[in-house]
Amino acid sequence: MLTIDKLSVHYGGIHALQGIDLEVPDGKIVTLIGANGAGKSTTLKSIVGLVKNSGGSVSWNGETLTGLPTKDIVERGVVLVPEGRRVFPNLTVDENLTLGAYTRKDKAEVAADRARVFGLFPRLEERKRQKAGTLSGGEQQMLAVGRALMTKPRLLMMDEPSLGLAPLVVKMIFDIIREINKAGVTVLLIEQNAKAALEVADYGYVLETGRIIFHGKGRELLADDRVRKAYLGEGE
């Protein structure tokens, strides 16, 4: 289980996260929704050590992650798919996947995981010798997820995986998130598409200006009038 306890982050004079508490149980999909600037991406970056915390702690299965280098956090199975895909544009699809496995020494398992990625994303196999920068936005998102899967994650965190993608590709990405979770990977998801995120999530948190203001089961939040009006574009 991932446990966030009273996590705070400052950017200069801005108090970006104001003592948030959050849990991601093993085997579940948890989503964090909120408006732009609410602190969602900061939360994920704090978990993997890309942003320095000013207070509170992050732990994974009882081990404190706070203060560890990002590489050590990744080696423990906590992996981030960043917003904007961040693939290596001048490297091929295959080379990007290889870099995803850079911390691993188990060559046979790496090969098996590459085959699993190509099973999830057949289009990537078709384009495995193509440079990543020439792929469509949807294909680059597939590659970003596939590269993360090559690390053999136990917790996969995804920052806006559907951003800028066509509706059919968005549906495919959410279907893949379900498949990844069914295979035993815990998922923490940030999404502007709050409806799709809450439909796929076991549990959700609503973040507003650095504070958790609501939380509950995904279906309960979907039915909550406050959430519907503020984040789903329904009601007055």
C-alpha atoms as a PDB file:
ATOM      1  CA  MET A   1       0.000   0.000   0.000  1.00  0.00           C
ATOM      2  CA  LEU A   2       1.085   3.547  -0.765  1.00  0.00           C
ATOM      3  CA  THR A   3       0.486   5.874   2.184  1.00  0.00           C
ATOM      4  CA  ILE A   4       0.769   9.654   2.042  1.00  0.00           C
ATOM      5  CA  ASP A   5       0.691  11.320   5.449  1.00  0.00           C
ATOM      6  CA  LYS A   6       0.298  15.111   5.831  1.00  0.00           C
ATOM      7  CA  LEU A   7       2.320  15.777   2.679  1.00  0.00           C
ATOM      8  CA  SER A   8       3.266  19.406   2.069  1.00  0.00           C
ATOM      9  CA  VAL A   9       5.128  21.002  -0.835  1.00  0.00           C
ATOM     10  CA  HIS A  10       6.167  24.626  -1.323  1.00  0.00           C
ATOM     11  CA  TYR A  11       7.230  26.295  -4.563  1.00  0.00           C
ATOM     12  CA  GLY A  12       8.823  29.454  -3.254  1.00  0.00           C
ATOM     13  CA  GLY A  13       5.997  31.272  -1.507  1.00  0.00           C
ATOM     14  CA  ILE A  14       3.297  29.023  -2.969  1.00  0.00           C
ATOM     15  CA  HIS A  15       1.956  26.276  -0.689  1.00  0.00           C
ATOM     16  CA  ALA A  16       1.179  23.767  -3.456  1.00  0.00           C
ATOM     17  CA  LEU A  17       0.228  20.824  -1.198  1.00  0.00           C
ATOM     18  CA  GLN A  18      -1.161  21.598   2.228  1.00  0.00           C
ATOM     19  CA  GLY A  19      -0.850  18.491   4.366  1.00  0.00           C
ATOM     20  CA  ILE A  20      -2.725  15.940   2.273  1.00  0.00           C
ATOM     21  CA  ASP A  21      -3.489  12.373   3.376  1.00  0.00           C
ATOM     22  CA  LEU A  22      -4.039   9.666   0.773  1.00  0.00           C
ATOM     23  CA  GLU A  23      -3.918   5.871   0.518  1.00  0.00           C
ATOM     24  CA  VAL A  24      -3.588   3.572  -2.487  1.00  0.00           C
ATOM     25  CA  PRO A  25      -4.349  -0.030  -1.443  1.00  0.00           C
ATOM     26  CA  ASP A  26      -2.581  -2.882  -3.219  1.00  0.00           C
ATOM     27  CA  GLY A  27      -4.383  -4.125  -6.316  1.00  0.00           C
ATOM     28  CA  LYS A  28      -6.719  -1.142  -6.619  1.00  0.00           C
ATOM     29  CA  ILE A  29      -7.162   1.759  -9.034  1.00  0.00           C
ATOM     30  CA  VAL A  30      -7.245   5.111  -7.231  1.00  0.00           C
ATOM     31  CA  THR A  31      -7.786   8.425  -9.002  1.00  0.00           C
ATOM     32  CA  LEU A  32      -6.963  11.978  -8.009  1.00  0.00           C
ATOM     33  CA  ILE A  33      -9.100  14.609  -9.752  1.00  0.00           C
ATOM     34  CA  GLY A  34      -9.239  18.377  -9.561  1.00  0.00           C
ATOM     35  CA  ALA A  35      -8.840  21.571 -11.567  1.00  0.00           C
ATOM     36  CA  ASN A  36      -5.596  22.704 -13.183  1.00  0.00           C
ATOM     37  CA  GLY A  37      -3.227  23.965 -10.512  1.00  0.00           C
ATOM     38  CA  ALA A  38      -4.850  21.946  -7.722  1.00  0.00           C
ATOM     39  CA  GLY A  39      -1.618  20.052  -6.999  1.00  0.00           C
ATOM     40  CA  LYS A  40      -2.286  16.740  -8.721  1.00  0.00           C
ATOM     41  CA  SER A  41       0.961  16.486 -10.713  1.00  0.00           C
ATOM     42  CA  THR A  42       2.919  17.821  -7.732  1.00  0.00           C
ATOM     43  CA  THR A  43       1.577  14.903  -5.691  1.00  0.00           C
ATOM     44  CA  LEU A  44       2.889  12.316  -8.153  1.00  0.00           C
ATOM     45  CA  LYS A  45       6.241  14.068  -8.541  1.00  0.00           C
ATOM     46  CA  SER A  46       6.600  14.158  -4.755  1.00  0.00           C
ATOM     47  CA  ILE A  47       5.981  10.430  -4.507  1.00  0.00           C
ATOM     48  CA  VAL A  48       8.822   9.614  -6.920  1.00  0.00           C
ATOM     49  CA  GLY A  49      11.211  12.205  -5.514  1.00  0.00           C
ATOM     50  CA  LEU A  50      11.116  14.684  -8.410  1.00  0.00           C
ATOM     51  CA  VAL A  51       9.803  17.400  -6.078  1.00  0.00           C
ATOM     52  CA  LYS A  52      11.155  17.963  -2.582  1.00  0.00           C
ATOM     53  CA  ASN A  53       8.602  17.720   0.219  1.00  0.00           C
ATOM     54  CA  SER A  54       8.488  20.444   2.849  1.00  0.00           C
ATOM     55  CA  GLY A  55       6.603  18.274   5.324  1.00  0.00           C
ATOM     56  CA  GLY A  56       4.901  14.929   5.815  1.00  0.00           C
ATOM     57  CA  SER A  57       5.902  11.530   4.461  1.00  0.00           C
ATOM     58  CA  VAL A  58       5.360   9.009   1.672  1.00  0.00           C
ATOM     59  CA  SER A  59       5.682   5.288   2.363  1.00  0.00           C
ATOM     60  CA  TRP A  60       5.319   2.164   0.236  1.00  0.00           C
ATOM     61  CA  ASN A  61       4.401  -1.070   2.032  1.00  0.00           C
ATOM     62  CA  GLY A  62       5.759   0.337   5.276  1.00  0.00           C
ATOM     63  CA  GLU A  63       9.050   1.644   3.851  1.00  0.00           C
ATOM     64  CA  THR A  64       9.580   5.404   3.793  1.00  0.00           C
ATOM     65  CA  LEU A  65      10.225   6.764   0.302  1.00  0.00           C
ATOM     66  CA  THR A  66      10.680  10.372   1.408  1.00  0.00           C
ATOM     67  CA  GLY A  67      14.250  11.478   0.726  1.00  0.00           C
ATOM     68  CA  LEU A  68      15.196   8.523  -1.488  1.00  0.00           C
ATOM     69  CA  PRO A  69      16.647   9.187  -4.972  1.00  0.00           C
ATOM     70  CA  THR A  70      14.147   8.660  -7.791  1.00  0.00           C
ATOM     71  CA  LYS A  71      16.146   5.699  -9.157  1.00  0.00           C
ATOM     72  CA  ASP A  72      15.815   3.888  -5.813  1.00  0.00           C
ATOM     73  CA  ILE A  73      12.074   4.541  -5.744  1.00  0.00           C
ATOM     74  CA  VAL A  74      11.705   3.122  -9.276  1.00  0.00           C
ATOM     75  CA  GLU A  75      13.685   0.029  -8.242  1.00  0.00           C
ATOM     76  CA  ARG A  76      11.101  -0.540  -5.503  1.00  0.00           C
ATOM     77  CA  GLY A  77       8.404  -0.744  -8.174  1.00  0.00           C
ATOM     78  CA  VAL A  78       6.909   2.761  -7.933  1.00  0.00           C
ATOM     79  CA  VAL A  79       6.838   4.206 -11.455  1.00  0.00           C
ATOM     80  CA  LEU A  80       5.443   7.375 -13.070  1.00  0.00           C
ATOM     81  CA  VAL A  81       4.126   7.823 -16.611  1.00  0.00           C
ATOM     82  CA  PRO A  82       4.589  11.607 -16.887  1.00  0.00           C
ATOM     83  CA  GLU A  83       2.212  14.117 -18.403  1.00  0.00           C
ATOM     84  CA  GLY A  84       3.080  14.818 -22.029  1.00  0.00           C
ATOM     85  CA  ARG A  85       4.460  11.278 -22.613  1.00  0.00           C
ATOM     86  CA  ARG A  86       8.153  12.362 -22.523  1.00  0.00           C
ATOM     87  CA  VAL A  87       9.293   9.652 -24.906  1.00  0.00           C
ATOM     88  CA  PHE A  88      12.812   9.885 -26.354  1.00  0.00           C
ATOM     89  CA  PRO A  89      11.963  11.211 -29.839  1.00  0.00           C
ATOM     90  CA  ASN A  90      15.244  10.346 -31.557  1.00  0.00           C
ATOM     91  CA  LEU A  91      15.257   6.758 -30.321  1.00  0.00           C
ATOM     92  CA  THR A  92      13.197   3.935 -31.798  1.00  0.00           C
ATOM     93  CA  VAL A  93      10.190   2.399 -30.094  1.00  0.00           C
ATOM     94  CA  ASP A  94      12.306  -0.638 -29.218  1.00  0.00           C
ATOM     95  CA  GLU A  95      15.094   1.536 -27.768  1.00  0.00           C
ATOM     96  CA  ASN A  96      12.581   3.451 -25.630  1.00  0.00           C
ATOM     97  CA  LEU A  97      11.305   0.156 -24.222  1.00  0.00           C
ATOM     98  CA  THR A  98      14.857  -0.994 -23.532  1.00  0.00           C
ATOM     99  CA  LEU A  99      15.504   2.180 -21.530  1.00  0.00           C
ATOM    100  CA  GLY A 100      12.403   1.400 -19.471  1.00  0.00           C
ATOM    101  CA  ALA A 101      14.176  -1.735 -18.238  1.00  0.00           C
ATOM    102  CA  TYR A 102      17.477  -0.002 -17.436  1.00  0.00           C
ATOM    103  CA  THR A 103      17.406  -0.973 -13.741  1.00  0.00           C
ATOM    104  CA  ARG A 104      16.820  -4.668 -14.470  1.00  0.00           C
ATOM    105  CA  LYS A 105      19.307  -7.517 -14.931  1.00  0.00           C
ATOM    106  CA  ASP A 106      16.842 -10.374 -15.579  1.00  0.00           C
ATOM    107  CA  LYS A 107      17.230 -10.599 -19.368  1.00  0.00           C
ATOM    108  CA  ALA A 108      14.766 -13.430 -19.903  1.00  0.00           C
ATOM    109  CA  GLU A 109      12.062 -11.644 -17.915  1.00  0.00           C
ATOM    110  CA  VAL A 110      12.787  -8.388 -19.737  1.00  0.00           C
ATOM    111  CA  ALA A 111      12.243 -10.170 -23.046  1.00  0.00           C
ATOM    112  CA  ALA A 112       8.995 -11.675 -21.744  1.00  0.00           C
ATOM    113  CA  ASP A 113       7.797  -8.260 -20.577  1.00  0.00           C
ATOM    114  CA  ARG A 114       8.615  -6.733 -23.965  1.00  0.00           C
ATOM    115  CA  ALA A 115       6.433  -9.417 -25.550  1.00  0.00           C
ATOM    116  CA  ARG A 116       3.640  -8.575 -23.086  1.00  0.00           C
ATOM    117  CA  VAL A 117       3.887  -4.880 -23.983  1.00  0.00           C
ATOM    118  CA  PHE A 118       3.606  -5.750 -27.677  1.00  0.00           C
ATOM    119  CA  GLY A 119       0.616  -7.941 -26.798  1.00  0.00           C
ATOM    120  CA  LEU A 120      -1.093  -4.989 -25.121  1.00  0.00           C
ATOM    121  CA  PHE A 121      -0.070  -2.561 -27.872  1.00  0.00           C
ATOM    122  CA  PRO A 122       0.259  -4.403 -31.212  1.00  0.00           C
ATOM    123  CA  ARG A 123       0.783  -1.061 -32.959  1.00  0.00           C
ATOM    124  CA  LEU A 124       4.060  -0.617 -31.088  1.00  0.00           C
ATOM    125  CA  GLU A 125       5.360  -3.919 -32.404  1.00  0.00           C
ATOM    126  CA  GLU A 126       4.472  -2.821 -35.940  1.00  0.00           C
ATOM    127  CA  ARG A 127       6.483   0.360 -35.365  1.00  0.00           C
ATOM    128  CA  LYS A 128       9.270  -0.977 -33.161  1.00  0.00           C
ATOM    129  CA  ARG A 129      12.048   0.273 -35.488  1.00  0.00           C
ATOM    130  CA  GLN A 130      10.387   3.653 -36.005  1.00  0.00           C
ATOM    131  CA  LYS A 131      11.647   6.734 -34.159  1.00  0.00           C
ATOM    132  CA  ALA A 132       9.338   7.693 -31.309  1.00  0.00           C
ATOM    133  CA  GLY A 133       9.162  11.315 -32.437  1.00  0.00           C
ATOM    134  CA  THR A 134       7.388  10.250 -35.647  1.00  0.00           C
ATOM    135  CA  LEU A 135       4.542   8.463 -33.818  1.00  0.00           C
ATOM    136  CA  SER A 136       1.060   9.914 -33.375  1.00  0.00           C
ATOM    137  CA  GLY A 137       0.048  11.284 -29.968  1.00  0.00           C
ATOM    138  CA  GLY A 138      -1.881   8.126 -29.163  1.00  0.00           C
ATOM    139  CA  GLU A 139       1.026   5.898 -30.175  1.00  0.00           C
ATOM    140  CA  GLN A 140       3.412   7.966 -28.048  1.00  0.00           C
ATOM    141  CA  GLN A 141       1.093   7.512 -25.065  1.00  0.00           C
ATOM    142  CA  MET A 142       1.081   3.756 -25.677  1.00  0.00           C
ATOM    143  CA  LEU A 143       4.881   3.864 -25.764  1.00  0.00           C
ATOM    144  CA  ALA A 144       5.075   5.882 -22.537  1.00  0.00           C
ATOM    145  CA  VAL A 145       2.881   3.302 -20.788  1.00  0.00           C
ATOM    146  CA  GLY A 146       4.792   0.407 -22.359  1.00  0.00           C
ATOM    147  CA  ARG A 147       8.127   1.895 -21.292  1.00  0.00           C
ATOM    148  CA  ALA A 148       6.839   2.190 -17.722  1.00  0.00           C
ATOM    149  CA  LEU A 149       5.656  -1.430 -17.787  1.00  0.00           C
ATOM    150  CA  MET A 150       9.188  -2.487 -18.733  1.00  0.00           C
ATOM    151  CA  THR A 151      10.325  -1.395 -15.256  1.00  0.00           C
ATOM    152  CA  LYS A 152       8.079  -4.164 -13.835  1.00  0.00           C
ATOM    153  CA  PRO A 153       6.041  -1.752 -11.690  1.00  0.00           C
ATOM    154  CA  ARG A 154       4.077  -2.718  -8.638  1.00  0.00           C
ATOM    155  CA  LEU A 155       2.507   0.750  -8.489  1.00  0.00           C
ATOM    156  CA  LEU A 156       1.966   2.515 -11.815  1.00  0.00           C
ATOM    157  CA  MET A 157       1.185   6.232 -11.575  1.00  0.00           C
ATOM    158  CA  MET A 158      -0.222   7.956 -14.655  1.00  0.00           C
ATOM    159  CA  ASP A 159      -0.409  11.724 -15.147  1.00  0.00           C
ATOM    160  CA  GLU A 160      -3.123  12.756 -17.640  1.00  0.00           C
ATOM    161  CA  PRO A 161      -2.854   9.702 -19.941  1.00  0.00           C
ATOM    162  CA  SER A 162      -5.802  10.812 -22.122  1.00  0.00           C
ATOM    163  CA  LEU A 163      -4.695  14.443 -22.602  1.00  0.00           C
ATOM    164  CA  GLY A 164      -5.048  15.585 -26.219  1.00  0.00           C
ATOM    165  CA  LEU A 165      -6.086  12.178 -27.552  1.00  0.00           C
ATOM    166  CA  ALA A 166      -9.011  11.287 -29.812  1.00  0.00           C
ATOM    167  CA  PRO A 167     -12.054   9.697 -28.064  1.00  0.00           C
ATOM    168  CA  LEU A 168     -11.417   6.225 -29.528  1.00  0.00           C
ATOM    169  CA  VAL A 169      -7.812   6.292 -28.326  1.00  0.00           C
ATOM    170  CA  VAL A 170      -8.948   7.512 -24.888  1.00  0.00           C
ATOM    171  CA  LYS A 171     -11.295   4.522 -24.597  1.00  0.00           C
ATOM    172  CA  MET A 172      -8.443   2.183 -25.545  1.00  0.00           C
ATOM    173  CA  ILE A 173      -6.122   3.747 -22.955  1.00  0.00           C
ATOM    174  CA  PHE A 174      -8.705   3.267 -20.193  1.00  0.00           C
ATOM    175  CA  ASP A 175      -9.304  -0.336 -21.311  1.00  0.00           C
ATOM    176  CA  ILE A 176      -5.530  -0.890 -21.052  1.00  0.00           C
ATOM    177  CA  ILE A 177      -5.496   0.622 -17.544  1.00  0.00           C
ATOM    178  CA  ARG A 178      -8.071  -1.978 -16.516  1.00  0.00           C
ATOM    179  CA  GLU A 179      -6.006  -4.758 -18.120  1.00  0.00           C
ATOM    180  CA  ILE A 180      -2.837  -3.623 -16.339  1.00  0.00           C
ATOM    181  CA  ASN A 181      -4.696  -3.573 -13.032  1.00  0.00           C
ATOM    182  CA  LYS A 182      -6.177  -7.041 -13.627  1.00  0.00           C
ATOM    183  CA  ALA A 183      -2.610  -8.291 -14.127  1.00  0.00           C
ATOM    184  CA  GLY A 184      -1.856  -7.292 -10.531  1.00  0.00           C
ATOM    185  CA  VAL A 185      -0.472  -3.755 -10.878  1.00  0.00           C
ATOM    186  CA  THR A 186      -1.787  -1.095  -8.496  1.00  0.00           C
ATOM    187  CA  VAL A 187      -2.695   2.159 -10.299  1.00  0.00           C
ATOM    188  CA  LEU A 188      -2.755   5.802  -9.173  1.00  0.00           C
ATOM    189  CA  LEU A 189      -4.333   7.912 -11.905  1.00  0.00           C
ATOM    190  CA  ILE A 190      -4.547  11.659 -12.480  1.00  0.00           C
ATOM    191  CA  GLU A 191      -7.064  12.683 -15.122  1.00  0.00           C
ATOM    192  CA  GLN A 192      -8.757  15.834 -16.408  1.00  0.00           C
ATOM    193  CA  ASN A 193     -11.463  13.511 -17.750  1.00  0.00           C
ATOM    194  CA  ALA A 194     -12.972  13.109 -14.279  1.00  0.00           C
ATOM    195  CA  LYS A 195     -15.943  11.030 -15.431  1.00  0.00           C
ATOM    196  CA  ALA A 196     -13.780   8.412 -17.170  1.00  0.00           C
ATOM    197  CA  ALA A 197     -11.365   8.340 -14.228  1.00  0.00           C
ATOM    198  CA  LEU A 198     -14.083   7.833 -11.620  1.00  0.00           C
ATOM    199  CA  GLU A 199     -15.747   5.143 -13.738  1.00  0.00           C
ATOM    200  CA  VAL A 200     -12.541   3.085 -13.799  1.00  0.00           C
ATOM    201  CA  ALA A 201     -11.429   3.824 -10.212  1.00  0.00           C
ATOM    202  CA  ASP A 202     -12.165   1.824  -7.074  1.00  0.00           C
ATOM    203  CA  TYR A 203     -11.615   4.959  -4.990  1.00  0.00           C
ATOM    204  CA  GLY A 204     -11.156   8.647  -5.677  1.00  0.00           C
ATOM    205  CA  TYR A 205      -9.864  11.821  -4.100  1.00  0.00           C
ATOM    206  CA  VAL A 206     -10.794  15.372  -5.081  1.00  0.00           C
ATOM    207  CA  LEU A 207      -7.977  17.896  -4.720  1.00  0.00           C
ATOM    208  CA  GLU A 208      -8.630  21.644  -4.595  1.00  0.00           C
ATOM    209  CA  THR A 209      -5.857  24.232  -4.158  1.00  0.00           C
ATOM    210  CA  GLY A 210      -3.575  21.794  -2.378  1.00  0.00           C
ATOM    211  CA  ARG A 211      -6.170  20.188  -0.100  1.00  0.00           C
ATOM    212  CA  ILE A 212      -8.231  16.992  -0.304  1.00  0.00           C
ATOM    213  CA  ILE A 213     -11.844  18.185  -0.099  1.00  0.00           C
ATOM    214  CA  PHE A 214     -13.770  14.962  -0.869  1.00  0.00           C
ATOM    215  CA  HIS A 215     -12.918  11.293  -1.117  1.00  0.00           C
ATOM    216  CA  GLY A 216     -14.861   8.085  -1.521  1.00  0.00           C
ATOM    217  CA  LYS A 217     -15.566   5.157  -3.819  1.00  0.00           C
ATOM    218  CA  GLY A 218     -15.417   6.056  -7.497  1.00  0.00           C
ATOM    219  CA  ARG A 219     -19.116   5.396  -8.080  1.00  0.00           C
ATOM    220  CA  GLU A 220     -20.070   7.381  -4.977  1.00  0.00           C
ATOM    221  CA  LEU A 221     -18.134  10.420  -6.183  1.00  0.00           C
ATOM    222  CA  LEU A 222     -19.743  10.089  -9.623  1.00  0.00           C
ATOM    223  CA  ALA A 223     -23.133  10.379  -7.931  1.00  0.00           C
ATOM    224  CA  ASP A 224     -22.120  13.226  -5.573  1.00  0.00           C
ATOM    225  CA  ASP A 225     -23.838  16.473  -6.623  1.00  0.00           C
ATOM    226  CA  ARG A 226     -20.878  18.595  -5.506  1.00  0.00           C
ATOM    227  CA  VAL A 227     -18.499  16.601  -7.697  1.00  0.00           C
ATOM    228  CA  ARG A 228     -20.948  16.494 -10.612  1.00  0.00           C
ATOM    229  CA  LYS A 229     -21.373  20.270 -10.648  1.00  0.00           C
ATOM    230  CA  ALA A 230     -17.714  21.166 -10.118  1.00  0.00           C
ATOM    231  CA  TYR A 231     -15.890  18.519 -12.176  1.00  0.00           C
ATOM    232  CA  LEU A 232     -18.333  16.723 -14.459  1.00  0.00           C
ATOM    233  CA  GLY A 233     -20.028  19.786 -15.975  1.00  0.00           C
ATOM    234  CA  GLU A 234     -23.455  18.780 -14.730  1.00  0.00           C
ATOM    235  CA  GLY A 235     -26.035  20.742 -12.792  1.00  0.00           C
ATOM    236  CA  GLU A 236     -26.081  24.504 -12.493  1.00  0.00           C
END
